[in-house]
Structure formats: structure tokens, C-alpha cells
Amino acid sequence: MTKWAVQTVDYYDSECYRDTLEMDFSLFDTRRDAIRELNRVIRDDWTTEVDVDGETKMLADCQGMSEMDSVKYSSWYYSEDGTIAWAFYPSGGGHKAEVFEIEVDQP
């Protein structure tokens, strides 16, 4: 059976080694529901604000945008299709999340 996963990774560089890296994984029946959950995570859990041409915006409102033209070197990014996002901060911490399809065996 096909499901859609949302995997999030949070990096807290100021924490002890045990708490530096946290991960979450959730399954959804549809791609649309998974993308909706990723947007919720960005908006409600990360609450990341970014600078877009001198204006402060929520990352969740910046789908299809990145900090600079080269996504590879951008400290923040939210893909056009809403399936991948990241935000890393000057303090060293950050978040990354992705939506992807997965096959799940039924018992």
C-alpha cells in the first residue's frame, strides 16, 4: 500500500549530544495531506521568519523561494511543489523536512 511520509529533522547545536538531533516521521494517505502537514510544521512548529527583498515573511508563505538564487547555498528554502523545506540559523541550529512516497506492507 502506498502512503506519503513527512520526515522532519531538527538540529539544536546548543543542546547536549543526546538532544542535539531530533527526528519525526508521520504517514498520510494522500500526498496532499502530507504537503499540508509539512506546511503546518513550518508555520506552527518552526515559526521561521525570513527576509525576502527586505521584507520579513513567514517561511510557510514563501513556497517556491529560497534565500538566494543558488538553492544549494541558501540558508532557507521551500520548494515550489511544497515537498521539501529547510531553515538554518546564524546560531547554528536548524530544521529540514521532506515529503516522500513510501510503500507500507499491510499485516
Protein backbone atom coordinates (compact mmCIF):
# COMPACT_ATOMS: atom_id res chain seq x y z
CA MET A 1 0.00 0.00 0.00
CA THR A 2 1.29 3.46 -0.88
CA LYS A 3 1.49 6.13 1.83
CA TRP A 4 3.04 9.57 1.97
CA ALA A 5 5.58 10.37 4.65
CA VAL A 6 6.63 13.63 6.25
CA GLN A 7 10.06 13.40 7.82
CA THR A 8 11.40 16.30 9.86
CA VAL A 9 14.81 16.75 11.41
CA ASP A 10 15.62 19.44 13.95
CA TYR A 11 19.20 20.34 14.87
CA TYR A 12 19.85 22.14 18.17
CA ASP A 13 23.57 22.80 18.35
CA SER A 14 23.45 24.30 21.85
CA GLU A 15 21.99 21.15 23.43
CA CYS A 16 23.85 18.19 24.92
CA TYR A 17 24.74 15.45 22.44
CA ARG A 18 21.69 13.38 23.41
CA ASP A 19 19.31 16.21 22.43
CA THR A 20 21.19 17.78 19.50
CA LEU A 21 19.29 15.95 16.76
CA GLU A 22 15.55 15.23 16.89
CA MET A 23 13.57 13.47 14.15
CA ASP A 24 9.88 12.95 13.47
CA PHE A 25 8.16 10.74 10.92
CA SER A 26 4.43 10.73 10.09
CA LEU A 27 2.40 8.82 7.49
CA PHE A 28 -0.54 10.10 5.45
CA ASP A 29 -2.93 8.54 2.97
CA THR A 30 -2.52 11.25 0.33
CA ARG A 31 0.27 13.45 -0.98
CA ARG A 32 -1.97 16.47 -0.45
CA ASP A 33 -2.40 15.68 3.27
CA ALA A 34 1.36 15.19 3.68
CA ILE A 35 2.14 18.52 2.00
CA ARG A 36 -0.49 20.22 4.17
CA GLU A 37 1.22 18.75 7.26
CA LEU A 38 4.65 19.95 6.11
CA ASN A 39 3.26 23.47 5.73
CA ARG A 40 1.72 23.23 9.22
CA VAL A 41 5.07 22.15 10.67
CA ILE A 42 6.85 25.08 9.02
CA ARG A 43 4.20 27.57 10.15
CA ASP A 44 3.35 26.33 13.65
CA ASP A 45 6.39 24.38 14.87
CA TRP A 46 9.32 26.16 13.24
CA THR A 47 7.70 29.64 13.13
CA THR A 48 10.62 30.69 10.93
CA GLU A 49 10.69 34.19 9.53
CA VAL A 50 12.90 35.00 6.54
CA ASP A 51 14.00 38.14 4.71
CA VAL A 52 12.58 38.39 1.19
CA ASP A 53 13.81 41.50 -0.59
CA GLY A 54 13.95 43.49 2.66
CA GLU A 55 10.55 42.28 3.88
CA THR A 56 10.10 39.81 6.74
CA LYS A 57 7.83 36.89 5.84
CA MET A 58 6.94 33.53 7.33
CA LEU A 59 8.81 30.72 5.57
CA ALA A 60 5.47 28.93 5.28
CA ASP A 61 4.33 31.75 2.97
CA CYS A 62 7.43 31.50 0.73
CA GLN A 63 6.72 28.36 -1.28
CA GLY A 64 8.92 28.28 -4.37
CA MET A 65 11.50 30.60 -2.83
CA SER A 66 14.98 30.45 -1.33
CA GLU A 67 17.40 32.85 0.29
CA MET A 68 19.47 33.17 -2.89
CA ASP A 69 19.42 32.01 -6.50
CA SER A 70 21.60 29.02 -5.65
CA VAL A 71 19.37 26.75 -3.55
CA LYS A 72 22.45 24.72 -2.68
CA TYR A 73 23.93 27.60 -0.67
CA SER A 74 20.70 29.04 0.74
CA SER A 75 20.19 29.02 4.49
CA TRP A 76 16.45 28.67 3.87
CA TYR A 77 14.37 27.10 1.11
CA TYR A 78 10.78 25.97 0.47
CA SER A 79 10.23 24.07 -2.78
CA GLU A 80 7.69 25.06 -5.41
CA ASP A 81 5.79 21.77 -5.01
CA GLY A 82 5.77 22.05 -1.20
CA THR A 83 7.64 18.78 -0.60
CA ILE A 84 10.93 20.00 0.89
CA ALA A 85 11.98 22.84 3.14
CA TRP A 86 14.83 23.85 5.37
CA ALA A 87 15.90 26.73 7.56
CA PHE A 88 19.25 27.10 9.29
CA TYR A 89 20.02 29.98 11.63
CA PRO A 90 23.12 32.07 12.40
CA SER A 91 23.13 30.45 15.85
CA GLY A 92 23.92 27.11 14.17
CA GLY A 93 20.62 25.29 14.71
CA GLY A 94 18.08 24.49 12.05
CA HIS A 95 15.34 22.33 10.57
CA LYS A 96 14.81 20.28 7.46
CA ALA A 97 11.69 18.42 6.29
CA GLU A 98 10.65 16.40 3.29
CA VAL A 99 7.54 14.71 1.87
CA PHE A 100 8.03 11.43 0.01
CA GLU A 101 6.15 8.35 -1.12
CA ILE A 102 6.63 5.09 0.74
CA GLU A 103 5.36 1.53 0.34
CA VAL A 104 3.90 0.07 3.53
CA ASP A 105 3.22 -3.64 3.97
CA GLN A 106 -0.19 -4.50 5.34
CA PRO A 107 -0.28 -7.13 8.08
